[in-house]
Amino acid sequence: MKDTPRTFQLTTGRLVVLLAIALLVSGCTRTQPVSYYQLSAVDSGRPAIDTSAIGEAVIGIGPLLLPEYLDRPQIVNREGPNLMQLAETNRWAEPLAVSIPRAMRENLAAALATESIVYYPWSQAVDYQIIIEIIRFEGEESREAHLEAVWSMQDREGNIVLPQQRSKYQVRATPADSEGLVQALSQALGRLSREIAEKLSEKR
């Protein structure tokens, strides 16, 4: 039986509607572009610390311990005491286990005016070893950066020259978005680095 003009019009209309729905669904499910971020060293503008106490000492950073919830590419935001959000479209350009020690090295090098700083594991003897455990390194609803770390210092024989210290920093993210949050996390890491540098400068 041949389609009448009315039947043909109805069939064409349905096809147009289905095509429109398919295009709408395709647009809604299109993958959003991913932005990649990297921590940076922070030049606080403060003068280098007097390093006469440590002389030409070689400083080792590490090992660095990270909680498993941070061992992932997504930037982590805390939305509540027990709720974490992973930003699927805002990711780290490299693992935090790599970028945190590098940013700290650059911060320490600027604060102590030395390049005698190496990463764990190292192939040479170090005079001071900074052992760091990161407890928190996250955003709070992208408005504030939180850094909490426990760290200690040993000499080249493995003797503890500074027992475990707990350091906490909160830095407002400006602007309150992913880029501002990464900048705030970098600043918090810079403050921790400065604290470690000041403790190093006191060693005799």
C-alpha atoms as a PDB file:
ATOM      1  CA  MET A   1       0.000   0.000   0.000  1.00  0.00           C
ATOM      2  CA  LYS A   2       1.459   3.334  -1.023  1.00  0.00           C
ATOM      3  CA  ASP A   3       1.920   6.132   1.516  1.00  0.00           C
ATOM      4  CA  THR A   4      -0.640   8.868   1.185  1.00  0.00           C
ATOM      5  CA  PRO A   5       0.675  12.462   1.265  1.00  0.00           C
ATOM      6  CA  ARG A   6      -0.550  12.793   4.881  1.00  0.00           C
ATOM      7  CA  THR A   7       1.200   9.547   5.924  1.00  0.00           C
ATOM      8  CA  PHE A   8       4.394  10.695   4.213  1.00  0.00           C
ATOM      9  CA  GLN A   9       4.229  14.041   6.028  1.00  0.00           C
ATOM     10  CA  LEU A  10       3.784  12.307   9.406  1.00  0.00           C
ATOM     11  CA  THR A  11       6.707   9.957   8.716  1.00  0.00           C
ATOM     12  CA  THR A  12       8.946  12.850   7.668  1.00  0.00           C
ATOM     13  CA  GLY A  13       7.924  14.798  10.753  1.00  0.00           C
ATOM     14  CA  ARG A  14       8.847  11.915  13.029  1.00  0.00           C
ATOM     15  CA  LEU A  15      12.243  11.613  11.358  1.00  0.00           C
ATOM     16  CA  VAL A  16      12.902  15.305  11.840  1.00  0.00           C
ATOM     17  CA  VAL A  17      11.967  15.085  15.531  1.00  0.00           C
ATOM     18  CA  LEU A  18      14.122  11.989  16.061  1.00  0.00           C
ATOM     19  CA  LEU A  19      17.042  13.657  14.281  1.00  0.00           C
ATOM     20  CA  ALA A  20      16.674  16.759  16.457  1.00  0.00           C
ATOM     21  CA  ILE A  21      16.612  14.634  19.629  1.00  0.00           C
ATOM     22  CA  ALA A  22      19.712  12.725  18.491  1.00  0.00           C
ATOM     23  CA  LEU A  23      21.593  15.958  17.844  1.00  0.00           C
ATOM     24  CA  LEU A  24      20.535  17.350  21.234  1.00  0.00           C
ATOM     25  CA  VAL A  25      21.665  14.214  23.061  1.00  0.00           C
ATOM     26  CA  SER A  26      24.945  14.229  21.151  1.00  0.00           C
ATOM     27  CA  GLY A  27      25.564  17.842  22.153  1.00  0.00           C
ATOM     28  CA  CYS A  28      24.764  17.159  25.808  1.00  0.00           C
ATOM     29  CA  THR A  29      27.059  14.157  26.018  1.00  0.00           C
ATOM     30  CA  ARG A  30      29.979  15.796  24.253  1.00  0.00           C
ATOM     31  CA  THR A  31      33.109  15.477  26.390  1.00  0.00           C
ATOM     32  CA  GLN A  32      34.174  18.721  27.998  1.00  0.00           C
ATOM     33  CA  PRO A  33      37.794  19.767  27.428  1.00  0.00           C
ATOM     34  CA  VAL A  34      40.218  18.915  30.226  1.00  0.00           C
ATOM     35  CA  SER A  35      42.471  21.601  31.729  1.00  0.00           C
ATOM     36  CA  TYR A  36      45.832  20.568  33.151  1.00  0.00           C
ATOM     37  CA  TYR A  37      47.547  22.406  36.024  1.00  0.00           C
ATOM     38  CA  GLN A  38      51.009  22.393  37.553  1.00  0.00           C
ATOM     39  CA  LEU A  39      52.321  23.591  40.896  1.00  0.00           C
ATOM     40  CA  SER A  40      54.790  26.449  40.770  1.00  0.00           C
ATOM     41  CA  ALA A  41      57.569  27.708  42.996  1.00  0.00           C
ATOM     42  CA  VAL A  42      56.572  30.834  44.896  1.00  0.00           C
ATOM     43  CA  ASP A  43      58.844  33.860  45.010  1.00  0.00           C
ATOM     44  CA  SER A  44      57.664  35.539  48.173  1.00  0.00           C
ATOM     45  CA  GLY A  45      60.000  38.476  47.631  1.00  0.00           C
ATOM     46  CA  ARG A  46      61.589  37.828  50.998  1.00  0.00           C
ATOM     47  CA  PRO A  47      65.398  37.866  51.254  1.00  0.00           C
ATOM     48  CA  ALA A  48      67.371  34.646  51.365  1.00  0.00           C
ATOM     49  CA  ILE A  49      67.922  33.167  54.814  1.00  0.00           C
ATOM     50  CA  ASP A  50      71.358  33.337  56.433  1.00  0.00           C
ATOM     51  CA  THR A  51      72.864  29.918  55.690  1.00  0.00           C
ATOM     52  CA  SER A  52      76.177  30.332  57.512  1.00  0.00           C
ATOM     53  CA  ALA A  53      75.036  27.702  60.015  1.00  0.00           C
ATOM     54  CA  ILE A  54      74.744  24.953  57.408  1.00  0.00           C
ATOM     55  CA  GLY A  55      77.577  26.059  55.125  1.00  0.00           C
ATOM     56  CA  GLU A  56      77.804  23.957  51.958  1.00  0.00           C
ATOM     57  CA  ALA A  57      75.495  21.239  53.272  1.00  0.00           C
ATOM     58  CA  VAL A  58      73.696  19.006  50.783  1.00  0.00           C
ATOM     59  CA  ILE A  59      69.970  18.810  51.504  1.00  0.00           C
ATOM     60  CA  GLY A  60      67.836  15.838  50.536  1.00  0.00           C
ATOM     61  CA  ILE A  61      64.068  16.088  50.054  1.00  0.00           C
ATOM     62  CA  GLY A  62      62.203  12.869  50.731  1.00  0.00           C
ATOM     63  CA  PRO A  63      60.851  10.413  50.887  1.00  0.00           C
ATOM     64  CA  LEU A  64      57.526  12.173  50.348  1.00  0.00           C
ATOM     65  CA  LEU A  65      54.440  10.265  51.484  1.00  0.00           C
ATOM     66  CA  LEU A  66      51.028  11.037  50.001  1.00  0.00           C
ATOM     67  CA  PRO A  67      47.614   9.744  51.099  1.00  0.00           C
ATOM     68  CA  GLU A  68      46.005   7.521  48.508  1.00  0.00           C
ATOM     69  CA  TYR A  69      43.147   9.929  47.876  1.00  0.00           C
ATOM     70  CA  LEU A  70      45.675  12.396  46.418  1.00  0.00           C
ATOM     71  CA  ASP A  71      47.442   9.800  44.276  1.00  0.00           C
ATOM     72  CA  ARG A  72      45.275  10.538  41.232  1.00  0.00           C
ATOM     73  CA  PRO A  73      45.246  12.995  38.321  1.00  0.00           C
ATOM     74  CA  GLN A  74      42.095  14.884  39.359  1.00  0.00           C
ATOM     75  CA  ILE A  75      42.282  17.969  41.568  1.00  0.00           C
ATOM     76  CA  VAL A  76      40.526  17.187  44.844  1.00  0.00           C
ATOM     77  CA  ASN A  77      37.991  19.489  46.466  1.00  0.00           C
ATOM     78  CA  ARG A  78      36.429  18.907  49.872  1.00  0.00           C
ATOM     79  CA  GLU A  79      32.709  19.627  49.936  1.00  0.00           C
ATOM     80  CA  GLY A  80      32.095  18.517  53.515  1.00  0.00           C
ATOM     81  CA  PRO A  81      33.658  16.613  56.425  1.00  0.00           C
ATOM     82  CA  ASN A  82      33.212  13.292  54.601  1.00  0.00           C
ATOM     83  CA  LEU A  83      32.559  14.374  51.017  1.00  0.00           C
ATOM     84  CA  MET A  84      35.254  14.789  48.383  1.00  0.00           C
ATOM     85  CA  GLN A  85      34.761  15.881  44.781  1.00  0.00           C
ATOM     86  CA  LEU A  86      37.161  14.897  41.999  1.00  0.00           C
ATOM     87  CA  ALA A  87      37.357  17.531  39.269  1.00  0.00           C
ATOM     88  CA  GLU A  88      37.282  15.365  36.134  1.00  0.00           C
ATOM     89  CA  THR A  89      37.932  18.330  33.818  1.00  0.00           C
ATOM     90  CA  ASN A  90      40.620  19.918  36.038  1.00  0.00           C
ATOM     91  CA  ARG A  91      43.637  17.674  36.431  1.00  0.00           C
ATOM     92  CA  TRP A  92      47.272  17.731  37.457  1.00  0.00           C
ATOM     93  CA  ALA A  93      49.706  17.757  34.565  1.00  0.00           C
ATOM     94  CA  GLU A  94      51.910  15.320  36.490  1.00  0.00           C
ATOM     95  CA  PRO A  95      51.652  13.253  39.682  1.00  0.00           C
ATOM     96  CA  LEU A  96      51.793  15.245  42.904  1.00  0.00           C
ATOM     97  CA  ALA A  97      54.549  12.883  44.060  1.00  0.00           C
ATOM     98  CA  VAL A  98      56.691  14.534  41.361  1.00  0.00           C
ATOM     99  CA  SER A  99      55.499  18.143  41.377  1.00  0.00           C
ATOM    100  CA  ILE A 100      55.451  18.713  45.152  1.00  0.00           C
ATOM    101  CA  PRO A 101      59.159  17.841  45.690  1.00  0.00           C
ATOM    102  CA  ARG A 102      60.155  19.888  42.635  1.00  0.00           C
ATOM    103  CA  ALA A 103      58.256  22.980  43.791  1.00  0.00           C
ATOM    104  CA  MET A 104      59.726  22.558  47.268  1.00  0.00           C
ATOM    105  CA  ARG A 105      63.216  22.238  45.859  1.00  0.00           C
ATOM    106  CA  GLU A 106      62.863  25.508  43.963  1.00  0.00           C
ATOM    107  CA  ASN A 107      61.431  27.227  47.033  1.00  0.00           C
ATOM    108  CA  LEU A 108      64.250  25.954  49.261  1.00  0.00           C
ATOM    109  CA  ALA A 109      66.882  26.861  46.681  1.00  0.00           C
ATOM    110  CA  ALA A 110      65.603  30.450  46.624  1.00  0.00           C
ATOM    111  CA  ALA A 111      65.244  30.720  50.400  1.00  0.00           C
ATOM    112  CA  LEU A 112      68.670  29.218  51.175  1.00  0.00           C
ATOM    113  CA  ALA A 113      70.495  30.561  48.106  1.00  0.00           C
ATOM    114  CA  THR A 114      71.861  27.122  47.242  1.00  0.00           C
ATOM    115  CA  GLU A 115      71.513  24.516  44.507  1.00  0.00           C
ATOM    116  CA  SER A 116      72.829  21.702  46.731  1.00  0.00           C
ATOM    117  CA  ILE A 117      69.394  20.108  47.023  1.00  0.00           C
ATOM    118  CA  VAL A 118      68.566  16.611  45.750  1.00  0.00           C
ATOM    119  CA  TYR A 119      65.496  14.377  45.535  1.00  0.00           C
ATOM    120  CA  TYR A 120      64.950  11.010  47.161  1.00  0.00           C
ATOM    121  CA  PRO A 121      66.286   8.493  46.235  1.00  0.00           C
ATOM    122  CA  TRP A 122      69.660  10.152  45.821  1.00  0.00           C
ATOM    123  CA  SER A 123      73.006   8.828  44.608  1.00  0.00           C
ATOM    124  CA  GLN A 124      75.171  10.883  46.938  1.00  0.00           C
ATOM    125  CA  ALA A 125      75.458  11.487  50.664  1.00  0.00           C
ATOM    126  CA  VAL A 126      73.258  14.223  52.070  1.00  0.00           C
ATOM    127  CA  ASP A 127      73.941  16.254  55.184  1.00  0.00           C
ATOM    128  CA  TYR A 128      70.288  16.877  56.008  1.00  0.00           C
ATOM    129  CA  GLN A 129      67.302  14.788  55.002  1.00  0.00           C
ATOM    130  CA  ILE A 130      63.786  16.236  55.083  1.00  0.00           C
ATOM    131  CA  ILE A 131      61.151  13.488  55.447  1.00  0.00           C
ATOM    132  CA  ILE A 132      57.650  14.699  54.627  1.00  0.00           C
ATOM    133  CA  GLU A 133      54.201  13.165  54.953  1.00  0.00           C
ATOM    134  CA  ILE A 134      51.383  15.124  53.342  1.00  0.00           C
ATOM    135  CA  ILE A 135      48.159  14.826  55.367  1.00  0.00           C
ATOM    136  CA  ARG A 136      45.998  17.276  53.389  1.00  0.00           C
ATOM    137  CA  PHE A 137      46.586  19.009  50.065  1.00  0.00           C
ATOM    138  CA  GLU A 138      43.208  19.988  48.684  1.00  0.00           C
ATOM    139  CA  GLY A 139      40.712  22.721  48.016  1.00  0.00           C
ATOM    140  CA  GLU A 140      37.655  23.583  50.022  1.00  0.00           C
ATOM    141  CA  GLU A 141      34.893  24.242  47.486  1.00  0.00           C
ATOM    142  CA  SER A 142      37.608  25.865  45.303  1.00  0.00           C
ATOM    143  CA  ARG A 143      37.644  28.870  47.654  1.00  0.00           C
ATOM    144  CA  GLU A 144      40.510  27.935  49.949  1.00  0.00           C
ATOM    145  CA  ALA A 145      43.602  25.746  49.800  1.00  0.00           C
ATOM    146  CA  HIS A 146      44.491  23.498  52.719  1.00  0.00           C
ATOM    147  CA  LEU A 147      47.934  22.028  53.308  1.00  0.00           C
ATOM    148  CA  GLU A 148      48.767  19.912  56.330  1.00  0.00           C
ATOM    149  CA  ALA A 149      52.061  18.062  56.611  1.00  0.00           C
ATOM    150  CA  VAL A 150      54.114  16.172  59.179  1.00  0.00           C
ATOM    151  CA  TRP A 151      57.846  16.422  58.611  1.00  0.00           C
ATOM    152  CA  SER A 152      61.141  15.769  60.352  1.00  0.00           C
ATOM    153  CA  MET A 153      64.852  16.215  59.751  1.00  0.00           C
ATOM    154  CA  GLN A 154      67.757  13.759  59.973  1.00  0.00           C
ATOM    155  CA  ASP A 155      71.499  14.148  59.592  1.00  0.00           C
ATOM    156  CA  ARG A 156      73.725  12.069  57.309  1.00  0.00           C
ATOM    157  CA  GLU A 157      74.035   9.305  59.940  1.00  0.00           C
ATOM    158  CA  GLY A 158      70.258   9.009  60.249  1.00  0.00           C
ATOM    159  CA  ASN A 159      70.112  10.736  63.613  1.00  0.00           C
ATOM    160  CA  ILE A 160      67.035  12.871  64.210  1.00  0.00           C
ATOM    161  CA  VAL A 161      68.070  16.507  64.440  1.00  0.00           C
ATOM    162  CA  LEU A 162      64.492  17.824  64.387  1.00  0.00           C
ATOM    163  CA  PRO A 163      61.621  15.636  65.611  1.00  0.00           C
ATOM    164  CA  GLN A 164      58.310  15.498  63.797  1.00  0.00           C
ATOM    165  CA  GLN A 165      56.688  18.844  63.189  1.00  0.00           C
ATOM    166  CA  ARG A 166      53.060  19.349  62.130  1.00  0.00           C
ATOM    167  CA  SER A 167      52.464  22.335  59.870  1.00  0.00           C
ATOM    168  CA  LYS A 168      49.086  23.634  58.679  1.00  0.00           C
ATOM    169  CA  TYR A 169      48.399  26.344  56.138  1.00  0.00           C
ATOM    170  CA  GLN A 170      45.222  27.818  54.696  1.00  0.00           C
ATOM    171  CA  VAL A 171      45.375  30.165  51.716  1.00  0.00           C
ATOM    172  CA  ARG A 172      42.424  31.925  50.090  1.00  0.00           C
ATOM    173  CA  ALA A 173      42.002  31.102  46.404  1.00  0.00           C
ATOM    174  CA  THR A 174      41.836  34.235  44.264  1.00  0.00           C
ATOM    175  CA  PRO A 175      39.944  33.907  42.022  1.00  0.00           C
ATOM    176  CA  ALA A 176      37.756  31.148  43.483  1.00  0.00           C
ATOM    177  CA  ASP A 177      38.263  28.709  40.630  1.00  0.00           C
ATOM    178  CA  SER A 178      40.624  25.884  39.721  1.00  0.00           C
ATOM    179  CA  GLU A 179      43.437  28.169  38.586  1.00  0.00           C
ATOM    180  CA  GLY A 180      43.144  30.263  41.742  1.00  0.00           C
ATOM    181  CA  LEU A 181      43.091  27.102  43.843  1.00  0.00           C
ATOM    182  CA  VAL A 182      46.300  25.763  42.272  1.00  0.00           C
ATOM    183  CA  GLN A 183      47.982  29.126  42.886  1.00  0.00           C
ATOM    184  CA  ALA A 184      46.828  29.000  46.526  1.00  0.00           C
ATOM    185  CA  LEU A 185      48.143  25.443  46.934  1.00  0.00           C
ATOM    186  CA  SER A 186      51.478  26.594  45.500  1.00  0.00           C
ATOM    187  CA  GLN A 187      51.574  29.457  48.018  1.00  0.00           C
ATOM    188  CA  ALA A 188      50.812  27.074  50.893  1.00  0.00           C
ATOM    189  CA  LEU A 189      53.653  24.831  49.738  1.00  0.00           C
ATOM    190  CA  GLY A 190      55.897  27.890  49.571  1.00  0.00           C
ATOM    191  CA  ARG A 191      55.111  28.708  53.198  1.00  0.00           C
ATOM    192  CA  LEU A 192      55.948  25.164  54.279  1.00  0.00           C
ATOM    193  CA  SER A 193      59.218  25.359  52.354  1.00  0.00           C
ATOM    194  CA  ARG A 194      60.080  28.637  54.070  1.00  0.00           C
ATOM    195  CA  GLU A 195      59.394  27.131  57.485  1.00  0.00           C
ATOM    196  CA  ILE A 196      61.698  24.195  56.697  1.00  0.00           C
ATOM    197  CA  ALA A 197      64.395  26.577  55.408  1.00  0.00           C
ATOM    198  CA  GLU A 198      64.256  28.608  58.612  1.00  0.00           C
ATOM    199  CA  LYS A 199      64.655  25.453  60.715  1.00  0.00           C
ATOM    200  CA  LEU A 200      67.593  24.388  58.557  1.00  0.00           C
ATOM    201  CA  SER A 201      69.288  27.737  59.079  1.00  0.00           C
ATOM    202  CA  GLU A 202      69.269  27.122  62.837  1.00  0.00           C
ATOM    203  CA  LYS A 203      71.307  23.901  62.599  1.00  0.00           C
ATOM    204  CA  ARG A 204      74.839  24.052  63.959  1.00  0.00           C
END
